[in-house]
Amino acid sequence: MTYLHKLHPGQTARVVGYTEDNPLTRRLNELGLTPGRTVTYLRDAPLRDPLQIRVGECSLALRHTDAALVAVEVDDPAVE
């Protein structure tokens, strides 16, 4: 297991859960980052903040600190 902010562009992972329960993580859940859902790390902005991910058909930009709250399981651990 790792965290969303530690992925690299092109990697896909499955959401496992969150590191804490607060209004922000509940909002991320409402945006589609639900346990079991597949996410693809698309790209970083300059200085790596924010980062862009794809969840289903939606593209989301997240602050690095917010992405650090999302625990994920990488699809291909050899690429980690």
Foldseek 3Di string as FASTA:
>chain_A
DAFQLPDAAFWKWFWQAFPDDDPLRVVVVVVQNPGGWMKGFHAADVVRAFTWMDTPNDIDTDGSVSRRGTDTGTPDVVRD
